């Protein structure tokens, strides 16, 4: 069975490829194989859109491993007979670290102090704090849980929100947002992109936040209404720290680049150094399972996932 993977060094780490697999390397940067018609298992290169272009050329495909947690851009390119696996769990630590960094940067005004350092300017002033503040995590899953651990270490109070309430785990449902948003000092979106989450946080929801609240998005850009957010930022009523945006990539000259109160990073939260060893371990396990005919990990249900516009 022919397999495409993104890393040649994985063979040495595994002590050789599993029996029964003909493994080739395509990292998404160079030229792809001329003929991929018999590829049965494809590990998509991480963060490279060119890798997805091969999917329609793979009629023999049986399984796809995405290294991203979100698969909304992959799903329209494969048939229902193909098993789709995502990178659930691979990004928890790095995304949580980045989310914490964005919150701290906004609360302690780190961009301001960097600009003052560049200008050689010494103008101390007290800032907001993360300690003793209330953080609403909307989209509470594995990334949200990892972020919660870090926020608790910073002495913040956490409120969990998921698609459905789970009183046993102290998780609120999204239908309670109208009551929860007015209490939040910070709201963090860790939402996947699917029909029920696109535009979930819009003008109505943002208006419920108290003055000075911070909006953080480390999930998917389309879950937050950009125009509605810009309207709030332009008045100075709200602040934002965003690793994902809509549109993405953010074009030059877009108002988010220069709007006061906004911090923007270019969707780098999930790709820190901790990600790659974890991704390699997952792919190695998936290759063994595929070769042995065992069930794959992280299989994505083939419903409830949005397709790009």
Protein backbone atom coordinates (compact mmCIF):
# COMPACT_ATOMS: atom_id res chain seq x y z
CA UNK A 1 0.00 0.00 0.00
CA UNK A 2 1.43 3.35 -1.06
CA UNK A 3 1.72 6.06 1.58
CA UNK A 4 2.83 9.71 1.48
CA UNK A 5 4.35 11.26 4.63
CA UNK A 6 5.97 14.68 5.16
CA UNK A 7 9.21 13.61 6.94
CA UNK A 8 12.00 11.31 5.74
CA UNK A 9 13.61 11.08 9.19
CA UNK A 10 10.53 9.30 10.52
CA UNK A 11 11.81 6.05 9.01
CA UNK A 12 14.88 6.06 11.26
CA UNK A 13 12.82 7.00 14.31
CA UNK A 14 10.51 4.06 13.66
CA UNK A 15 13.32 1.63 12.91
CA UNK A 16 12.08 1.24 9.36
CA UNK A 17 8.69 1.52 7.71
CA UNK A 18 6.04 -1.05 8.65
CA UNK A 19 5.81 -4.12 6.45
CA UNK A 20 3.35 -3.83 3.60
CA UNK A 21 3.74 -0.07 3.14
CA UNK A 22 5.50 1.64 0.26
CA UNK A 23 6.30 4.98 1.90
CA UNK A 24 7.35 8.11 0.02
CA UNK A 25 8.10 11.59 1.30
CA UNK A 26 6.31 14.75 0.21
CA UNK A 27 6.72 17.77 2.48
CA UNK A 28 4.54 20.14 0.46
CA UNK A 29 7.48 22.36 -0.49
CA UNK A 30 9.02 20.55 -3.44
CA UNK A 31 7.40 18.98 -6.47
CA UNK A 32 4.81 16.31 -5.63
CA UNK A 33 4.99 12.83 -7.12
CA UNK A 34 3.84 12.84 -10.74
CA UNK A 35 1.39 9.99 -10.17
CA UNK A 36 -0.55 9.69 -6.92
CA UNK A 37 -3.43 7.62 -8.25
CA UNK A 38 -2.55 4.60 -6.09
CA UNK A 39 -1.86 6.43 -2.82
CA UNK A 40 -3.89 4.76 -0.07
CA UNK A 41 -2.83 6.79 2.98
CA UNK A 42 -1.79 10.44 2.87
CA UNK A 43 -0.34 12.44 5.77
CA UNK A 44 -0.92 16.07 4.84
CA UNK A 45 2.07 18.41 5.27
CA UNK A 46 1.38 20.79 8.12
CA UNK A 47 0.50 24.39 7.29
CA UNK A 48 1.01 23.96 3.53
CA UNK A 49 -2.11 24.49 1.43
CA UNK A 50 -0.38 22.99 -1.62
CA UNK A 51 -0.55 19.58 0.01
CA UNK A 52 -4.35 19.58 -0.16
CA UNK A 53 -4.28 20.06 -3.92
CA UNK A 54 -3.26 16.42 -4.39
CA UNK A 55 -6.37 14.99 -2.73
CA UNK A 56 -8.67 15.08 -5.80
CA UNK A 57 -5.99 13.15 -7.71
CA UNK A 58 -6.08 10.17 -5.32
CA UNK A 59 -8.90 7.80 -6.35
CA UNK A 60 -7.44 4.91 -4.31
CA UNK A 61 -7.27 6.93 -1.11
CA UNK A 62 -8.45 5.11 2.01
CA UNK A 63 -7.30 7.42 4.80
CA UNK A 64 -6.05 10.98 5.30
CA UNK A 65 -4.19 12.21 8.36
CA UNK A 66 -4.41 15.95 8.93
CA UNK A 67 -1.97 17.42 11.44
CA UNK A 68 -4.36 20.27 12.17
CA UNK A 69 -7.21 20.00 14.64
CA UNK A 70 -9.56 21.71 12.18
CA UNK A 71 -10.36 19.85 8.96
CA UNK A 72 -12.97 22.11 7.36
CA UNK A 73 -10.73 22.71 4.31
CA UNK A 74 -9.95 19.03 3.80
CA UNK A 75 -13.44 17.56 4.03
CA UNK A 76 -14.78 18.93 0.71
CA UNK A 77 -11.82 17.37 -1.14
CA UNK A 78 -12.37 13.73 -0.16
CA UNK A 79 -15.17 11.26 -0.62
CA UNK A 80 -17.31 9.76 2.16
CA UNK A 81 -15.47 6.45 1.85
CA UNK A 82 -12.18 8.02 3.02
CA UNK A 83 -11.34 7.89 6.72
CA UNK A 84 -10.33 11.36 7.89
CA UNK A 85 -8.17 11.75 11.00
CA UNK A 86 -7.22 15.05 12.59
CA UNK A 87 -4.46 16.33 14.85
CA UNK A 88 -6.54 16.45 18.01
CA UNK A 89 -4.24 16.84 21.01
CA UNK A 90 -1.13 17.76 19.04
CA UNK A 91 -1.66 21.49 19.49
CA UNK A 92 -2.96 21.61 23.03
CA UNK A 93 0.22 22.74 24.75
CA UNK A 94 1.44 25.14 22.07
CA UNK A 95 -1.98 26.72 21.45
CA UNK A 96 -2.55 27.09 25.19
CA UNK A 97 0.86 28.71 25.63
CA UNK A 98 0.11 31.13 22.83
CA UNK A 99 -3.31 31.92 24.22
CA UNK A 100 -1.81 32.64 27.62
CA UNK A 101 0.87 34.78 25.98
CA UNK A 102 -1.73 36.82 24.11
CA UNK A 103 -3.73 37.42 27.27
CA UNK A 104 -0.68 38.45 29.28
CA UNK A 105 0.59 40.65 26.46
CA UNK A 106 -2.75 42.46 26.32
CA UNK A 107 -3.31 42.72 30.06
CA UNK A 108 0.23 43.90 30.82
CA UNK A 109 0.44 46.00 27.62
CA UNK A 110 3.65 44.35 26.39
CA UNK A 111 3.38 45.80 22.85
CA UNK A 112 3.37 49.28 24.39
CA UNK A 113 6.53 48.60 26.38
CA UNK A 114 8.27 47.15 23.32
CA UNK A 115 7.48 50.32 21.38
CA UNK A 116 8.75 52.41 24.30
CA UNK A 117 11.96 50.36 24.34
CA UNK A 118 12.45 50.93 20.61
CA UNK A 119 12.01 54.67 21.21
CA UNK A 120 14.21 54.72 24.31
CA UNK A 121 11.26 56.02 26.31
CA UNK A 122 10.78 55.39 30.08
CA UNK A 123 7.14 56.01 31.02
CA UNK A 124 6.02 53.54 33.70
CA UNK A 125 2.31 53.06 34.35
CA UNK A 126 0.21 50.45 36.12
CA UNK A 127 -1.67 47.99 33.88
CA UNK A 128 -4.44 45.45 34.12
CA UNK A 129 -3.76 42.01 35.58
CA UNK A 130 -4.70 38.44 34.76
CA UNK A 131 -4.84 37.43 38.43
CA UNK A 132 -8.28 37.79 40.00
CA UNK A 133 -9.93 38.31 36.59
CA UNK A 134 -12.68 36.14 35.10
CA UNK A 135 -11.88 34.33 31.85
CA UNK A 136 -14.65 32.75 29.78
CA UNK A 137 -13.36 29.87 27.61
CA UNK A 138 -15.84 29.36 24.76
CA UNK A 139 -15.34 26.07 22.95
CA UNK A 140 -14.06 24.16 25.96
CA UNK A 141 -12.25 21.06 24.72
CA UNK A 142 -8.71 19.74 24.99
CA UNK A 143 -7.12 23.08 24.03
CA UNK A 144 -9.45 24.93 26.36
CA UNK A 145 -8.57 22.52 29.19
CA UNK A 146 -4.84 23.04 28.56
CA UNK A 147 -5.34 26.81 28.61
CA UNK A 148 -7.38 26.53 31.80
CA UNK A 149 -4.46 24.85 33.60
CA UNK A 150 -2.18 27.73 32.72
CA UNK A 151 -4.72 30.39 33.60
CA UNK A 152 -5.38 28.83 36.99
CA UNK A 153 -1.66 29.02 37.70
CA UNK A 154 -2.00 32.76 37.07
CA UNK A 155 -4.82 32.94 39.65
CA UNK A 156 -7.59 33.67 37.17
CA UNK A 157 -11.17 32.47 37.60
CA UNK A 158 -12.36 30.24 34.74
CA UNK A 159 -15.83 29.68 33.31
CA UNK A 160 -16.16 26.82 30.81
CA UNK A 161 -18.53 26.99 27.83
CA UNK A 162 -19.12 24.25 25.26
CA UNK A 163 -21.76 23.50 22.64
CA UNK A 164 -23.86 21.75 25.28
CA UNK A 165 -23.99 22.13 29.03
CA UNK A 166 -22.39 19.42 31.16
CA UNK A 167 -23.19 20.20 34.80
CA UNK A 168 -21.14 17.24 35.98
CA UNK A 169 -17.99 18.89 34.62
CA UNK A 170 -19.15 22.41 35.45
CA UNK A 171 -19.47 23.26 31.75
CA UNK A 172 -22.07 25.77 30.53
CA UNK A 173 -23.77 25.60 27.14
CA UNK A 174 -23.46 28.29 24.47
CA UNK A 175 -27.14 29.03 24.99
CA UNK A 176 -26.07 30.62 28.30
CA UNK A 177 -23.70 33.15 26.69
CA UNK A 178 -26.14 36.03 27.11
CA UNK A 179 -25.88 35.63 30.88
CA UNK A 180 -22.16 34.81 30.98
CA UNK A 181 -20.63 37.44 28.69
CA UNK A 182 -21.48 40.44 30.92
CA UNK A 183 -19.41 38.84 33.71
CA UNK A 184 -16.23 38.27 31.66
CA UNK A 185 -13.03 40.28 31.85
CA UNK A 186 -11.66 38.12 29.01
CA UNK A 187 -13.42 35.82 26.57
CA UNK A 188 -11.26 33.24 24.78
CA UNK A 189 -12.57 31.48 21.67
CA UNK A 190 -11.16 28.00 21.09
CA UNK A 191 -13.97 27.03 18.73
CA UNK A 192 -13.73 24.74 15.70
CA UNK A 193 -15.33 25.90 12.47
CA UNK A 194 -18.66 24.21 11.79
CA UNK A 195 -22.20 25.37 11.01
CA UNK A 196 -23.07 26.13 14.63
CA UNK A 197 -19.94 28.17 15.35
CA UNK A 198 -19.51 30.41 12.29
CA UNK A 199 -20.32 33.95 13.42
CA UNK A 200 -21.20 32.74 16.91
CA UNK A 201 -19.67 35.87 18.43
CA UNK A 202 -21.11 38.87 16.62
CA UNK A 203 -22.30 42.38 17.38
CA UNK A 204 -25.01 41.22 19.78
CA UNK A 205 -22.62 39.10 21.83
CA UNK A 206 -19.80 41.65 21.84
CA UNK A 207 -22.21 44.33 23.06
CA UNK A 208 -22.84 42.23 26.17
CA UNK A 209 -19.19 42.35 27.26
CA UNK A 210 -18.26 44.96 29.86
CA UNK A 211 -16.18 47.99 28.89
CA UNK A 212 -12.48 47.17 28.62
CA UNK A 213 -13.02 43.43 28.13
CA UNK A 214 -10.51 41.47 26.09
CA UNK A 215 -11.56 39.22 23.17
CA UNK A 216 -9.06 36.45 22.34
CA UNK A 217 -9.37 34.05 19.40
CA UNK A 218 -7.11 31.01 19.08
CA UNK A 219 -9.70 28.79 17.37
CA UNK A 220 -10.97 29.68 13.90
CA UNK A 221 -11.31 33.18 12.45
CA UNK A 222 -14.84 32.86 11.10
CA UNK A 223 -16.29 32.15 14.55
CA UNK A 224 -15.85 35.87 15.36
CA UNK A 225 -17.49 38.62 13.29
CA UNK A 226 -14.58 40.83 12.20
CA UNK A 227 -16.68 43.87 11.30
CA UNK A 228 -18.51 43.76 14.62
CA UNK A 229 -15.22 43.46 16.48
CA UNK A 230 -13.70 46.38 14.56
CA UNK A 231 -16.71 48.52 15.46
CA UNK A 232 -16.06 47.87 19.16
CA UNK A 233 -12.29 48.32 18.86
CA UNK A 234 -12.64 51.60 17.00
CA UNK A 235 -14.42 53.16 19.97
CA UNK A 236 -11.88 51.79 22.43
CA UNK A 237 -14.60 49.96 24.36
CA UNK A 238 -13.14 46.48 23.80
CA UNK A 239 -9.67 45.08 23.16
CA UNK A 240 -8.61 42.03 21.13
CA UNK A 241 -5.73 39.56 20.87
CA UNK A 242 -6.09 37.36 17.79
CA UNK A 243 -4.06 34.48 16.41
CA UNK A 244 -6.77 33.67 13.86
CA UNK A 245 -8.72 36.18 11.81
CA UNK A 246 -11.26 36.50 9.03
CA UNK A 247 -10.09 36.99 6.31
CA UNK A 248 -6.95 34.91 6.63
CA UNK A 249 -4.22 35.64 5.80
CA UNK A 250 -4.98 39.20 6.85
CA UNK A 251 -4.30 41.43 3.81
CA UNK A 252 -2.02 44.42 3.93
CA UNK A 253 -3.89 47.56 4.85
CA UNK A 254 -6.65 45.74 6.72
CA UNK A 255 -7.90 47.82 9.69
CA UNK A 256 -7.00 45.09 12.20
CA UNK A 257 -3.30 45.73 11.57
CA UNK A 258 -3.50 49.26 12.91
CA UNK A 259 -6.61 49.45 15.10
CA UNK A 260 -5.66 50.52 18.65
CA UNK A 261 -6.27 47.84 21.24
CA UNK A 262 -5.65 44.91 18.86
CA UNK A 263 -2.80 42.41 18.93
CA UNK A 264 -2.55 40.16 15.84
CA UNK A 265 -0.30 37.14 15.33
CA UNK A 266 -0.32 35.17 12.02
CA UNK A 267 -1.96 31.87 13.05
CA UNK A 268 1.16 30.51 14.74
CA UNK A 269 -0.36 29.33 18.01
CA UNK A 270 -0.37 25.62 17.22
CA UNK A 271 3.01 25.29 15.53
CA UNK A 272 5.50 25.70 18.38
CA UNK A 273 8.38 23.29 19.02
CA UNK A 274 6.25 20.96 21.14
CA UNK A 275 4.00 20.21 18.17
CA UNK A 276 6.45 18.39 15.87
CA UNK A 277 7.61 15.54 18.15
CA UNK A 278 3.99 14.90 19.10
CA UNK A 279 2.92 14.92 15.45
CA UNK A 280 5.66 12.48 14.52
CA UNK A 281 4.64 10.09 17.29
CA UNK A 282 1.02 10.21 16.11
CA UNK A 283 1.94 9.57 12.47
CA UNK A 284 4.21 6.66 13.45
CA UNK A 285 1.36 5.07 15.40
CA UNK A 286 -1.09 5.65 12.55
CA UNK A 287 1.28 4.03 10.04
CA UNK A 288 1.57 0.94 12.24
CA UNK A 289 -2.19 0.76 12.66
CA UNK A 290 -2.82 1.23 8.94
CA UNK A 291 -0.32 -1.48 8.00
CA UNK A 292 -1.87 -3.90 10.51
CA UNK A 293 -5.47 -3.10 9.60
CA UNK A 294 -6.26 -1.74 13.08
CA UNK A 295 -8.58 1.23 13.71
CA UNK A 296 -6.94 4.62 13.29
CA UNK A 297 -6.85 7.29 15.99
CA UNK A 298 -8.58 10.69 15.92
CA UNK A 299 -11.17 9.71 13.32
CA UNK A 300 -13.38 12.69 12.46
CA UNK A 301 -17.15 12.13 12.24
CA UNK A 302 -18.25 12.95 8.70
CA UNK A 303 -20.98 15.40 9.65
CA UNK A 304 -21.29 18.83 11.23
CA UNK A 305 -18.17 20.26 9.61
CA UNK A 306 -18.48 23.47 7.62
CA UNK A 307 -17.05 23.88 4.16
CA UNK A 308 -15.26 27.07 3.12
CA UNK A 309 -17.34 29.70 1.30
